[in-house]
């Protein structure tokens, strides 16, 4: 998943992801899904209820696809006893101390480099 700010979203919306060729790269050279080029992603990011069925449907349909949206890291903590593995919670939209835009994206037991963040 890729997370970027608004300015870089316009620049990257037509790019493809070129990951190093190895066994763990599952989305090399696929188009990055954005709210501008994918109606399903736009709909999911507009959902206010995290239990809305559209969220699960999107996750199943696009599980191995790179996505890009404006978001923020809401929570990040070490995974169990590991020093370089994390559990990360990402919210769509700008950071706020009082509200959270749903849905959330939860990653467990990942290295930050696994997520290919573009900040």
Protein backbone atom coordinates (compact mmCIF):
# COMPACT_ATOMS: atom_id res chain seq x y z
CA UNK A 1 0.00 0.00 0.00
CA UNK A 2 1.23 3.44 -0.78
CA UNK A 3 0.35 6.52 1.23
CA UNK A 4 1.10 9.97 -0.13
CA UNK A 5 0.22 13.59 0.32
CA UNK A 6 -2.15 15.41 -2.04
CA UNK A 7 0.54 16.95 -4.23
CA UNK A 8 2.26 13.68 -5.00
CA UNK A 9 -1.06 11.87 -5.62
CA UNK A 10 -1.53 13.73 -8.90
CA UNK A 11 2.00 12.87 -9.98
CA UNK A 12 1.72 9.15 -9.19
CA UNK A 13 -1.84 8.40 -10.21
CA UNK A 14 -0.80 6.99 -13.58
CA UNK A 15 2.41 5.30 -12.46
CA UNK A 16 2.97 1.62 -11.99
CA UNK A 17 4.72 0.05 -9.04
CA UNK A 18 8.11 -1.39 -9.86
CA UNK A 19 9.21 -3.49 -6.93
CA UNK A 20 12.45 -5.44 -6.85
CA UNK A 21 11.99 -8.85 -8.45
CA UNK A 22 11.87 -11.44 -5.67
CA UNK A 23 9.56 -14.04 -4.19
CA UNK A 24 7.79 -11.55 -1.90
CA UNK A 25 6.91 -9.01 -4.58
CA UNK A 26 3.28 -9.69 -5.48
CA UNK A 27 2.35 -6.50 -7.35
CA UNK A 28 5.25 -5.60 -9.56
CA UNK A 29 4.25 -3.39 -12.50
CA UNK A 30 0.56 -3.16 -11.55
CA UNK A 31 -1.29 0.12 -11.84
CA UNK A 32 -1.60 1.91 -8.50
CA UNK A 33 -5.25 2.24 -7.52
CA UNK A 34 -6.26 5.78 -6.55
CA UNK A 35 -9.56 7.56 -5.92
CA UNK A 36 -9.16 9.09 -9.38
CA UNK A 37 -8.78 5.85 -11.32
CA UNK A 38 -10.81 3.38 -9.22
CA UNK A 39 -14.43 3.95 -8.21
CA UNK A 40 -14.32 1.10 -5.68
CA UNK A 41 -11.46 2.70 -3.74
CA UNK A 42 -13.20 6.08 -3.81
CA UNK A 43 -16.35 4.46 -2.43
CA UNK A 44 -14.49 2.61 0.33
CA UNK A 45 -12.67 5.74 1.47
CA UNK A 46 -16.01 7.57 1.68
CA UNK A 47 -17.57 4.94 3.98
CA UNK A 48 -18.25 6.13 7.54
CA UNK A 49 -19.25 2.75 8.99
CA UNK A 50 -16.29 0.32 9.18
CA UNK A 51 -18.68 -2.65 9.21
CA UNK A 52 -20.20 -1.68 5.85
CA UNK A 53 -20.00 -4.75 3.56
CA UNK A 54 -18.28 -2.66 0.87
CA UNK A 55 -15.09 -2.65 2.97
CA UNK A 56 -14.76 -6.44 3.04
CA UNK A 57 -15.71 -6.73 -0.62
CA UNK A 58 -13.01 -4.24 -1.56
CA UNK A 59 -10.42 -6.06 0.56
CA UNK A 60 -11.17 -9.39 -1.11
CA UNK A 61 -11.25 -7.99 -4.64
CA UNK A 62 -8.06 -5.92 -4.39
CA UNK A 63 -6.07 -7.82 -1.73
CA UNK A 64 -2.83 -7.93 -3.71
CA UNK A 65 -3.09 -4.56 -5.44
CA UNK A 66 -1.15 -1.43 -4.48
CA UNK A 67 -3.34 1.49 -3.42
CA UNK A 68 -2.57 5.14 -2.85
CA UNK A 69 -4.60 7.56 -0.76
CA UNK A 70 -4.17 10.47 1.61
CA UNK A 71 -3.82 8.98 5.06
CA UNK A 72 -2.09 9.04 8.41
CA UNK A 73 -0.58 6.57 10.81
CA UNK A 74 -3.03 6.47 13.71
CA UNK A 75 -1.11 3.93 15.76
CA UNK A 76 2.16 2.05 15.43
CA UNK A 77 3.62 -0.33 17.97
CA UNK A 78 6.17 -3.10 18.01
CA UNK A 79 4.79 -6.52 17.22
CA UNK A 80 5.16 -8.79 20.24
CA UNK A 81 8.84 -9.06 21.23
CA UNK A 82 10.33 -8.05 17.88
CA UNK A 83 12.42 -4.91 17.44
CA UNK A 84 11.82 -4.34 13.73
CA UNK A 85 8.32 -5.81 13.25
CA UNK A 86 5.26 -3.63 13.82
CA UNK A 87 1.49 -3.49 14.07
CA UNK A 88 0.32 -0.38 12.21
CA UNK A 89 -3.11 1.27 12.01
CA UNK A 90 -3.71 3.72 9.16
CA UNK A 91 -6.68 6.04 8.77
CA UNK A 92 -7.71 7.69 5.54
CA UNK A 93 -7.52 11.49 5.48
CA UNK A 94 -5.61 14.03 7.49
CA UNK A 95 -4.53 13.39 11.07
CA UNK A 96 -6.93 14.56 13.76
CA UNK A 97 -6.76 14.23 17.53
CA UNK A 98 -10.57 14.21 17.80
CA UNK A 99 -11.95 12.27 14.84
CA UNK A 100 -11.07 9.30 12.68
CA UNK A 101 -12.21 8.85 9.12
CA UNK A 102 -13.13 5.27 8.38
CA UNK A 103 -12.32 2.70 7.14
CA UNK A 104 -9.05 1.92 8.83
CA UNK A 105 -6.25 -0.21 7.42
CA UNK A 106 -4.59 -2.54 9.91
CA UNK A 107 -1.26 -4.24 9.29
CA UNK A 108 0.10 -6.78 11.75
CA UNK A 109 3.61 -8.16 12.03
CA UNK A 110 5.13 -6.11 9.20
CA UNK A 111 8.39 -4.34 8.63
CA UNK A 112 7.83 -0.74 7.53
CA UNK A 113 9.74 -1.46 4.32
CA UNK A 114 7.16 -4.19 3.50
CA UNK A 115 4.51 -1.50 3.03
CA UNK A 116 6.34 0.62 0.42
CA UNK A 117 5.20 3.90 1.96
CA UNK A 118 5.69 6.96 -0.21
CA UNK A 119 5.51 9.99 1.98
